[in-house]
Amino acid sequence: MISYAITDPSTLNFKNLSSDLKKFSQKADIILYRDKDNSDYSSNAKIFITEARKYKFNKILLHQNIDLACLLKADGVHLTSSQLNLVEKAKFFKLFTIVSTHTLSEVKEAEKFGADMITFSPIFKTPNKEEPKGLDVLKEIVSRVTIPVIALGGILTKEQIKDCKKVGAKGFASIRYFS
């Protein structure tokens, strides 16, 4: 089961970057540097990637910015559902590409454009997000695509992770689980 840590300012502090990344590395295979409101994202991304390389992450990703991911030699990029048209560009640059999806049509588009995997969300109740899709919808999504589906949204416990695996998710992603 793939474990995918999505960072955010509430879970990643650059003053404690090394210890925070060490904590993430004990549970996560893949890590994403995500900070939507940081005006200095590029500089922090460079520091993040350099420090994250000291740990045994399978993939280190940046959020939304293909050009920066290429420049900093990140392993890949996590695109939003509004960036589906950029999947082919990311793949052209040989970036491992994950796309956030929330509907079957987005899932099918991400697969068609060549995404390596998708997150599908929200599965469980999570703050500031729409109503959860639930495990039955996750199971349906998994059955409709050939690329790995990563469950996202409100995943806080090992039991929830097991439930996602039972319905066929190849992994899970979370912000709060890893903190």
C-alpha atoms as a PDB file:
ATOM      1  CA  MET A   1       0.000   0.000   0.000  1.00  0.00           C
ATOM      2  CA  ILE A   2       1.514   3.310  -1.115  1.00  0.00           C
ATOM      3  CA  SER A   3       1.637   5.926   1.624  1.00  0.00           C
ATOM      4  CA  TYR A   4       1.682   9.495   0.331  1.00  0.00           C
ATOM      5  CA  ALA A   5       2.363  12.423   2.662  1.00  0.00           C
ATOM      6  CA  ILE A   6       1.027  15.797   1.577  1.00  0.00           C
ATOM      7  CA  THR A   7       2.708  18.569   3.522  1.00  0.00           C
ATOM      8  CA  ASP A   8       1.129  21.813   4.462  1.00  0.00           C
ATOM      9  CA  PRO A   9       2.156  24.704   6.732  1.00  0.00           C
ATOM     10  CA  SER A  10       0.358  23.040   9.646  1.00  0.00           C
ATOM     11  CA  THR A  11       2.506  19.896   9.354  1.00  0.00           C
ATOM     12  CA  LEU A  12       5.833  21.139   8.012  1.00  0.00           C
ATOM     13  CA  ASN A  13       7.926  23.802   9.705  1.00  0.00           C
ATOM     14  CA  PHE A  14      11.073  24.942   7.919  1.00  0.00           C
ATOM     15  CA  LYS A  15      12.662  25.813  11.280  1.00  0.00           C
ATOM     16  CA  ASN A  16      12.433  22.073  12.098  1.00  0.00           C
ATOM     17  CA  LEU A  17      12.623  20.787   8.534  1.00  0.00           C
ATOM     18  CA  SER A  18      15.046  17.935   9.134  1.00  0.00           C
ATOM     19  CA  SER A  19      13.139  16.526  12.100  1.00  0.00           C
ATOM     20  CA  ASP A  20       9.791  16.995  10.335  1.00  0.00           C
ATOM     21  CA  LEU A  21      11.047  15.147   7.248  1.00  0.00           C
ATOM     22  CA  LYS A  22      12.480  12.380   9.399  1.00  0.00           C
ATOM     23  CA  LYS A  23       9.032  11.956  10.992  1.00  0.00           C
ATOM     24  CA  PHE A  24       7.353  11.848   7.557  1.00  0.00           C
ATOM     25  CA  SER A  25       9.915   9.348   6.258  1.00  0.00           C
ATOM     26  CA  GLN A  26       8.974   6.841   8.954  1.00  0.00           C
ATOM     27  CA  LYS A  27       5.479   6.454   7.455  1.00  0.00           C
ATOM     28  CA  ALA A  28       5.550   7.817   3.883  1.00  0.00           C
ATOM     29  CA  ASP A  29       6.828   6.429   0.580  1.00  0.00           C
ATOM     30  CA  ILE A  30       6.055   9.589  -1.385  1.00  0.00           C
ATOM     31  CA  ILE A  31       6.129  13.179  -0.135  1.00  0.00           C
ATOM     32  CA  LEU A  32       4.702  16.359  -1.636  1.00  0.00           C
ATOM     33  CA  TYR A  33       5.803  19.868  -0.767  1.00  0.00           C
ATOM     34  CA  ARG A  34       2.550  21.837  -0.852  1.00  0.00           C
ATOM     35  CA  ASP A  35       2.125  25.389   0.404  1.00  0.00           C
ATOM     36  CA  LYS A  36      -0.503  27.216  -1.633  1.00  0.00           C
ATOM     37  CA  ASP A  37      -0.035  30.642  -0.061  1.00  0.00           C
ATOM     38  CA  ASN A  38       3.755  30.896   0.208  1.00  0.00           C
ATOM     39  CA  SER A  39       5.180  33.774  -1.841  1.00  0.00           C
ATOM     40  CA  ASP A  40       8.627  32.170  -1.468  1.00  0.00           C
ATOM     41  CA  TYR A  41       7.555  28.694  -2.599  1.00  0.00           C
ATOM     42  CA  SER A  42      10.431  28.345  -5.093  1.00  0.00           C
ATOM     43  CA  SER A  43      13.171  28.974  -2.535  1.00  0.00           C
ATOM     44  CA  ASN A  44      11.531  26.729   0.023  1.00  0.00           C
ATOM     45  CA  ALA A  45      10.999  24.017  -2.594  1.00  0.00           C
ATOM     46  CA  LYS A  46      14.741  23.966  -3.299  1.00  0.00           C
ATOM     47  CA  ILE A  47      15.519  23.605   0.406  1.00  0.00           C
ATOM     48  CA  PHE A  48      12.771  20.992   0.812  1.00  0.00           C
ATOM     49  CA  ILE A  49      14.046  18.796  -2.032  1.00  0.00           C
ATOM     50  CA  THR A  50      17.657  19.009  -0.871  1.00  0.00           C
ATOM     51  CA  GLU A  51      16.725  18.008   2.663  1.00  0.00           C
ATOM     52  CA  ALA A  52      14.145  15.364   1.647  1.00  0.00           C
ATOM     53  CA  ARG A  53      16.786  13.589  -0.477  1.00  0.00           C
ATOM     54  CA  LYS A  54      18.525  12.667   2.797  1.00  0.00           C
ATOM     55  CA  TYR A  55      15.630  10.332   3.611  1.00  0.00           C
ATOM     56  CA  LYS A  56      14.304   7.197   1.930  1.00  0.00           C
ATOM     57  CA  PHE A  57      11.318   8.602   0.040  1.00  0.00           C
ATOM     58  CA  ASN A  58      10.571   6.785  -3.217  1.00  0.00           C
ATOM     59  CA  LYS A  59       9.385  10.055  -4.776  1.00  0.00           C
ATOM     60  CA  ILE A  60       9.663  13.732  -3.849  1.00  0.00           C
ATOM     61  CA  LEU A  61       7.063  15.895  -5.563  1.00  0.00           C
ATOM     62  CA  LEU A  62       6.226  19.558  -5.951  1.00  0.00           C
ATOM     63  CA  HIS A  63       2.731  20.972  -6.134  1.00  0.00           C
ATOM     64  CA  GLN A  64       1.361  22.299  -9.433  1.00  0.00           C
ATOM     65  CA  ASN A  65       4.567  23.775 -10.897  1.00  0.00           C
ATOM     66  CA  ILE A  66       6.038  21.638 -13.692  1.00  0.00           C
ATOM     67  CA  ASP A  67       8.775  24.120 -14.609  1.00  0.00           C
ATOM     68  CA  LEU A  68       9.988  24.376 -11.014  1.00  0.00           C
ATOM     69  CA  ALA A  69       9.883  20.582 -10.622  1.00  0.00           C
ATOM     70  CA  CYS A  70      12.121  20.271 -13.689  1.00  0.00           C
ATOM     71  CA  LEU A  71      14.470  23.048 -12.579  1.00  0.00           C
ATOM     72  CA  LEU A  72      14.924  21.593  -9.088  1.00  0.00           C
ATOM     73  CA  LYS A  73      15.025  17.981 -10.334  1.00  0.00           C
ATOM     74  CA  ALA A  74      12.063  16.855  -8.278  1.00  0.00           C
ATOM     75  CA  ASP A  75      10.889  13.340  -9.038  1.00  0.00           C
ATOM     76  CA  GLY A  76       7.507  14.604 -10.054  1.00  0.00           C
ATOM     77  CA  VAL A  77       4.572  16.907  -9.722  1.00  0.00           C
ATOM     78  CA  HIS A  78       1.092  16.773  -8.232  1.00  0.00           C
ATOM     79  CA  LEU A  79      -1.400  18.590 -10.442  1.00  0.00           C
ATOM     80  CA  THR A  80      -4.867  19.794  -9.519  1.00  0.00           C
ATOM     81  CA  SER A  81      -7.989  18.724 -11.385  1.00  0.00           C
ATOM     82  CA  SER A  82      -7.981  22.121 -13.137  1.00  0.00           C
ATOM     83  CA  GLN A  83      -4.535  21.260 -14.572  1.00  0.00           C
ATOM     84  CA  LEU A  84      -5.524  18.082 -16.422  1.00  0.00           C
ATOM     85  CA  ASN A  85      -4.399  19.715 -19.671  1.00  0.00           C
ATOM     86  CA  LEU A  86      -0.827  19.835 -18.259  1.00  0.00           C
ATOM     87  CA  VAL A  87      -0.401  16.097 -17.670  1.00  0.00           C
ATOM     88  CA  GLU A  88       1.113  15.567 -21.112  1.00  0.00           C
ATOM     89  CA  LYS A  89       3.623  18.396 -20.509  1.00  0.00           C
ATOM     90  CA  ALA A  90       4.667  16.861 -17.191  1.00  0.00           C
ATOM     91  CA  LYS A  91       5.085  13.457 -18.822  1.00  0.00           C
ATOM     92  CA  PHE A  92       7.082  15.009 -21.694  1.00  0.00           C
ATOM     93  CA  PHE A  93       9.588  16.160 -19.070  1.00  0.00           C
ATOM     94  CA  LYS A  94       9.576  12.650 -17.557  1.00  0.00           C
ATOM     95  CA  LEU A  95       8.023  13.779 -14.282  1.00  0.00           C
ATOM     96  CA  PHE A  96       6.131  11.274 -12.177  1.00  0.00           C
ATOM     97  CA  THR A  97       2.639  12.769 -12.311  1.00  0.00           C
ATOM     98  CA  ILE A  98      -0.218  12.543  -9.828  1.00  0.00           C
ATOM     99  CA  VAL A  99      -3.508  14.350 -10.431  1.00  0.00           C
ATOM    100  CA  SER A 100      -6.144  15.267  -7.859  1.00  0.00           C
ATOM    101  CA  THR A 101      -9.566  14.048  -8.957  1.00  0.00           C
ATOM    102  CA  HIS A 102     -13.071  14.252  -7.535  1.00  0.00           C
ATOM    103  CA  THR A 103     -15.273  12.828 -10.296  1.00  0.00           C
ATOM    104  CA  LEU A 104     -15.228   9.850 -12.646  1.00  0.00           C
ATOM    105  CA  SER A 105     -14.790  12.151 -15.652  1.00  0.00           C
ATOM    106  CA  GLU A 106     -11.677  13.729 -14.080  1.00  0.00           C
ATOM    107  CA  VAL A 107     -10.336  10.261 -13.279  1.00  0.00           C
ATOM    108  CA  LYS A 108     -10.832   9.118 -16.886  1.00  0.00           C
ATOM    109  CA  GLU A 109      -9.225  12.311 -18.263  1.00  0.00           C
ATOM    110  CA  ALA A 110      -6.171  11.929 -16.003  1.00  0.00           C
ATOM    111  CA  GLU A 111      -5.773   8.341 -17.176  1.00  0.00           C
ATOM    112  CA  LYS A 112      -6.237   9.312 -20.837  1.00  0.00           C
ATOM    113  CA  PHE A 113      -3.582  12.047 -20.611  1.00  0.00           C
ATOM    114  CA  GLY A 114      -1.082   9.610 -19.049  1.00  0.00           C
ATOM    115  CA  ALA A 115      -1.006  10.418 -15.320  1.00  0.00           C
ATOM    116  CA  ASP A 116       0.963   7.864 -13.322  1.00  0.00           C
ATOM    117  CA  MET A 117      -1.639   7.811 -10.578  1.00  0.00           C
ATOM    118  CA  ILE A 118      -4.517   9.830  -9.211  1.00  0.00           C
ATOM    119  CA  THR A 119      -5.761  10.859  -5.843  1.00  0.00           C
ATOM    120  CA  PHE A 120      -9.519  10.578  -5.453  1.00  0.00           C
ATOM    121  CA  SER A 121     -11.186  12.607  -2.732  1.00  0.00           C
ATOM    122  CA  PRO A 122     -12.619  13.169  -0.289  1.00  0.00           C
ATOM    123  CA  ILE A 123     -13.207   9.624   0.922  1.00  0.00           C
ATOM    124  CA  PHE A 124     -13.943  10.474   4.549  1.00  0.00           C
ATOM    125  CA  LYS A 125     -15.108  13.669   6.213  1.00  0.00           C
ATOM    126  CA  THR A 126     -12.415  16.330   6.184  1.00  0.00           C
ATOM    127  CA  PRO A 127     -12.417  20.030   7.110  1.00  0.00           C
ATOM    128  CA  ASN A 128     -13.332  22.550   4.406  1.00  0.00           C
ATOM    129  CA  LYS A 129     -14.108  19.930   1.769  1.00  0.00           C
ATOM    130  CA  GLU A 130     -17.277  18.681   0.124  1.00  0.00           C
ATOM    131  CA  GLU A 131     -19.278  15.766   1.460  1.00  0.00           C
ATOM    132  CA  PRO A 132     -17.239  12.548   1.545  1.00  0.00           C
ATOM    133  CA  LYS A 133     -17.538  10.185  -1.408  1.00  0.00           C
ATOM    134  CA  GLY A 134     -17.227   7.091   0.766  1.00  0.00           C
ATOM    135  CA  LEU A 135     -15.762   3.658   0.215  1.00  0.00           C
ATOM    136  CA  ASP A 136     -18.421   2.450  -2.239  1.00  0.00           C
ATOM    137  CA  VAL A 137     -17.646   5.279  -4.660  1.00  0.00           C
ATOM    138  CA  LEU A 138     -13.917   4.673  -4.196  1.00  0.00           C
ATOM    139  CA  LYS A 139     -14.450   1.005  -5.082  1.00  0.00           C
ATOM    140  CA  GLU A 140     -16.361   2.020  -8.227  1.00  0.00           C
ATOM    141  CA  ILE A 141     -13.602   4.444  -9.288  1.00  0.00           C
ATOM    142  CA  VAL A 142     -10.905   1.795  -8.777  1.00  0.00           C
ATOM    143  CA  SER A 143     -12.865  -0.620 -10.980  1.00  0.00           C
ATOM    144  CA  ARG A 144     -13.086   1.908 -13.829  1.00  0.00           C
ATOM    145  CA  VAL A 145      -9.385   2.719 -14.370  1.00  0.00           C
ATOM    146  CA  THR A 146      -6.099   0.902 -14.836  1.00  0.00           C
ATOM    147  CA  ILE A 147      -3.842   3.458 -13.127  1.00  0.00           C
ATOM    148  CA  PRO A 148      -3.341   3.374  -9.357  1.00  0.00           C
ATOM    149  CA  VAL A 149      -5.970   5.173  -7.316  1.00  0.00           C
ATOM    150  CA  ILE A 150      -4.777   6.805  -4.102  1.00  0.00           C
ATOM    151  CA  ALA A 151      -7.521   7.456  -1.538  1.00  0.00           C
ATOM    152  CA  LEU A 152      -7.429  10.963  -0.064  1.00  0.00           C
ATOM    153  CA  GLY A 153      -9.498  12.913   2.398  1.00  0.00           C
ATOM    154  CA  GLY A 154     -10.019  12.446   6.107  1.00  0.00           C
ATOM    155  CA  ILE A 155      -7.682   9.468   6.431  1.00  0.00           C
ATOM    156  CA  LEU A 156      -6.456   9.496  10.009  1.00  0.00           C
ATOM    157  CA  THR A 157      -6.366   5.874  11.177  1.00  0.00           C
ATOM    158  CA  LYS A 158      -4.885   2.516  10.195  1.00  0.00           C
ATOM    159  CA  GLU A 159      -8.421   1.122  10.052  1.00  0.00           C
ATOM    160  CA  GLN A 160      -9.406   3.683   7.397  1.00  0.00           C
ATOM    161  CA  ILE A 161      -6.276   2.771   5.431  1.00  0.00           C
ATOM    162  CA  LYS A 162      -7.206  -0.935   5.595  1.00  0.00           C
ATOM    163  CA  ASP A 163     -10.748  -0.111   4.461  1.00  0.00           C
ATOM    164  CA  CYS A 164      -9.391   1.783   1.442  1.00  0.00           C
ATOM    165  CA  LYS A 165      -7.123  -1.134   0.579  1.00  0.00           C
ATOM    166  CA  LYS A 166     -10.040  -3.597   0.849  1.00  0.00           C
ATOM    167  CA  VAL A 167     -11.931  -1.735  -1.887  1.00  0.00           C
ATOM    168  CA  GLY A 168      -8.897  -1.716  -4.176  1.00  0.00           C
ATOM    169  CA  ALA A 169      -7.081   1.571  -3.582  1.00  0.00           C
ATOM    170  CA  LYS A 170      -3.365   1.145  -4.284  1.00  0.00           C
ATOM    171  CA  GLY A 171      -2.507   3.634  -1.576  1.00  0.00           C
ATOM    172  CA  PHE A 172      -3.618   6.508   0.578  1.00  0.00           C
ATOM    173  CA  ALA A 173      -2.637  10.138   0.881  1.00  0.00           C
ATOM    174  CA  SER A 174      -3.091  12.387   3.860  1.00  0.00           C
ATOM    175  CA  ILE A 175      -1.982  15.584   5.492  1.00  0.00           C
ATOM    176  CA  ARG A 176      -2.977  14.934   9.087  1.00  0.00           C
ATOM    177  CA  TYR A 177      -2.147  11.190   9.308  1.00  0.00           C
ATOM    178  CA  PHE A 178       1.567  11.875   9.026  1.00  0.00           C
ATOM    179  CA  SER A 179       1.754  14.761  11.508  1.00  0.00           C
END
